[in-house]
């Protein structure tokens, strides 16, 4: 600290300096020392507003989503720097989807799910006057945390960085929401409730206050006293049918008390709408009075409204609505949704997305049968293969004759615009289809639950299938676009531009479907065309590191990749999308030489061993094919294990290893990392050593069994097939949520643990860096070779694990021995029977010619 530093009571550096002051310093002195540098004295809310003002529409959306996940407030009205204008942040909040459990669903364990801007809910606003010593934000935090662990949802003056003077944040309106968890006897609110907080006093932001007053179920005004100009503002708005509450800090100043009493009389407020805080009552206890007032008010609320419905009033008051700039793209997305109408989603797909229907699935089965010849029977192989090829040609011809549907035309036309318009359209169609799917899937789940209670087995099976077929998202339209190209017989300009459009989307970070999980097939022509375009666009500089994740359904694998790399694989969207998707993540120029690649390719897969798939006949085959294909493609495979699913993942790994042993084309040896979810103890790595050793021993045992079956004696253990280090390749990360959802924030320890995993994943050893560089053309060749090997594999995939396969193999050996023994016995019996028959025939001949036999005997004797 320099000697000439000036005094600044807001400097944290100087506050910390108090500990090192000389013992002779006066401990009662209020003087603090500073270095005179005020650059870091930025109010946190100013920084918050500045970041949102500097961000584009999509970054604003991402920031709002992350803030909501951490249970922080998000901006509803964002002031511009000079506070001359303000914007309604409707678009920024569109991506936030919440789940909660109303009391009426607590017994059935059901839940409600909705986009937060579309959910109808009571709306409570908290504002203050110029003279108010109470902190709105602190009070709100106590009210919303009532009966739970305290959370700092709204930033308040006692938090770090909030003591500094605000420059641009006054006029900001933040919102947050209380989400009930369904406990009827809980002291907290039983409904979804939205709370708004206006920063600064109402005279600074009259437009924002007017907007809140007209939109709110009730407005709580915090004050020590009320001035004439403030009363005029309240009087001008009081004709609106909104409950007005005065929250009065009773400071025993007669003049202040009189001003509040006068305002109460002029506004005609009843006594129960004036809440006074006495000096001896602390904030925590006082918040209980507020809580009771809000609960009482909630019981009297008859009509609610959604945030989305506030846009007209915002425009009327001169506010800017952030999403109006993308109205054309919103209209295009709505026109696709309107095409669904009252039809079921499966019916819509049959009419508008015809190429991915039954013909595509039949073709996929025919291609595998052509490789495996399982059903050839007694007919000649050449004739059977010719018959299969003829069926394939007929299907391909029929597929190529389909005309472009109306929905697909709208979709492709909107992709063919500028990047900004395309991005807005894709986001709008995602939001629109997700909202529609949530409603349809919720209806199906409720029907399924009723039929399960009625034990109607046939209807349950139908609804299970309907749930599988009722997912609809951008991926289905992209799949249809790919199949249009896949089955095209003429290379017209309209067809040839499709891979270019998809390549631009891949370069922008959108997922590309690698394996269609509904048909269990890889559209090789389409994937090759798209990635070849990507290779051209980057000037052939496309060195790849391929990272894949595998895990049981709902084990958090997509969240893991999203957190690790900042991507946006679909998470908990309520849909049952199947297959494998990849995202190309471009490596920054300054890291390319260090890391030795241009792109990190992330492959996310559907959840294995899902309950919906378990009922299907080919569920084991589907999961095992997917796991083998994805592991075979990757350089690094993350095996995501929630502790309760370790057995299922062990089964899948055994089959993948066994399949690699059977495939002559496999030459890669992927690095395998195990990530154990929901294990937060600092001692986990040490205490779980025995479990890791047991898992490796079991995998070694199964690998040895598989090697014996395949007559490969050189393979002795799991690490002969997959690269795995028991100490270095195991990671333990805590649970995602800090507390009990739906009001639990994200656990910061989760993000920190995932960051450690990422850091070590990308620390590739010298052996890997010295390997031949792997470019997009190499990846495509490898993909085709591997998929061909998967299609030809007709034995191992149908088994649950290697033990079952080995048992079947041993049974086949035993059966062959039994069959041979039976054949030997039958042959022996037949030989003996024929000999006995011949002897009997000779005896009958002798009896019939007795004289002749005797004469012959005499001749022999003589």
Foldseek 3Di string as FASTA:
>chain_A
DDPPFDWDLQDPVQVVCVVVDDPPDDPPDSTTTDNNDCPPLAAPLLVVLVVCVPDDLVVLLVVQQQLVQQLAWHWQWRADQVSPAIAGSPSSQLVHKFKADFQVCLVVPDIDIDRQQADWAAEEEEAEAPAFPDWPQVLVQLLLQPPHPGDSRDDTCVDPSNVGDHRRNQQTKIKGWRGYHNDPPDPADRDIYMYIYGHDHCVSHVLSVLLCLQQHQAYEYGHQADDDVRLVSCVVNLVRPHHYAYEYEDPVDPVRVVRVVVSCVVSVHDPLRYHYDYPVDDSNVSSVSVRVSVNVSVVVDDGTGGNNVSVVVCVVSPHHYVCPVLVVLLVLLVVLVVCCPPPAQLVSCVQQLVLPPDLLLVLLVLLLCLQAVPPVPPDDNVVVNVVSVVSNVVSLVVSQPDDHGPNLVSLVVQLPDDPVSNVSNQVSNQSSLLNVLSVVLVVLVVVLVVCVVVVVVVVNLVSLVSQQSRRDHVQSSLVSLLSNLLSHPDPDPSNLCSLVSVLVVLVVWDKDFQAQLVSRGGSLVSVLSNLVNNCVVVVNQFFEAEEEEAAAAPLCGQVLVCLLPVHCDPDPSSGQGFHKIKHWAADDPVCCVVLVGGTYIYIYGGHQPDPSLVPDQQNLLSLLLRVLLRQLLHQEYEYEAAPVCVVQSLQSLQLSLLLLLVFPPRDHAHAYAYEYEAFDDPCCLVVCLVVLVVSQVVQQVSNCLSCVVSVNNVRRGPCVRHPYDSNPRYAYFRHQFDDDPPSTHGDVSRSVSSNVVSVVVSPDDPVVSPDDGAGSVNSSVSSVSSVSSSSNDDQRSRDRHSVRSSVVVVVVVVVVVVVVVVVVVVVVVVVVVVVVVVVVVVVVVCVVPVVVVVVVVVVVVD
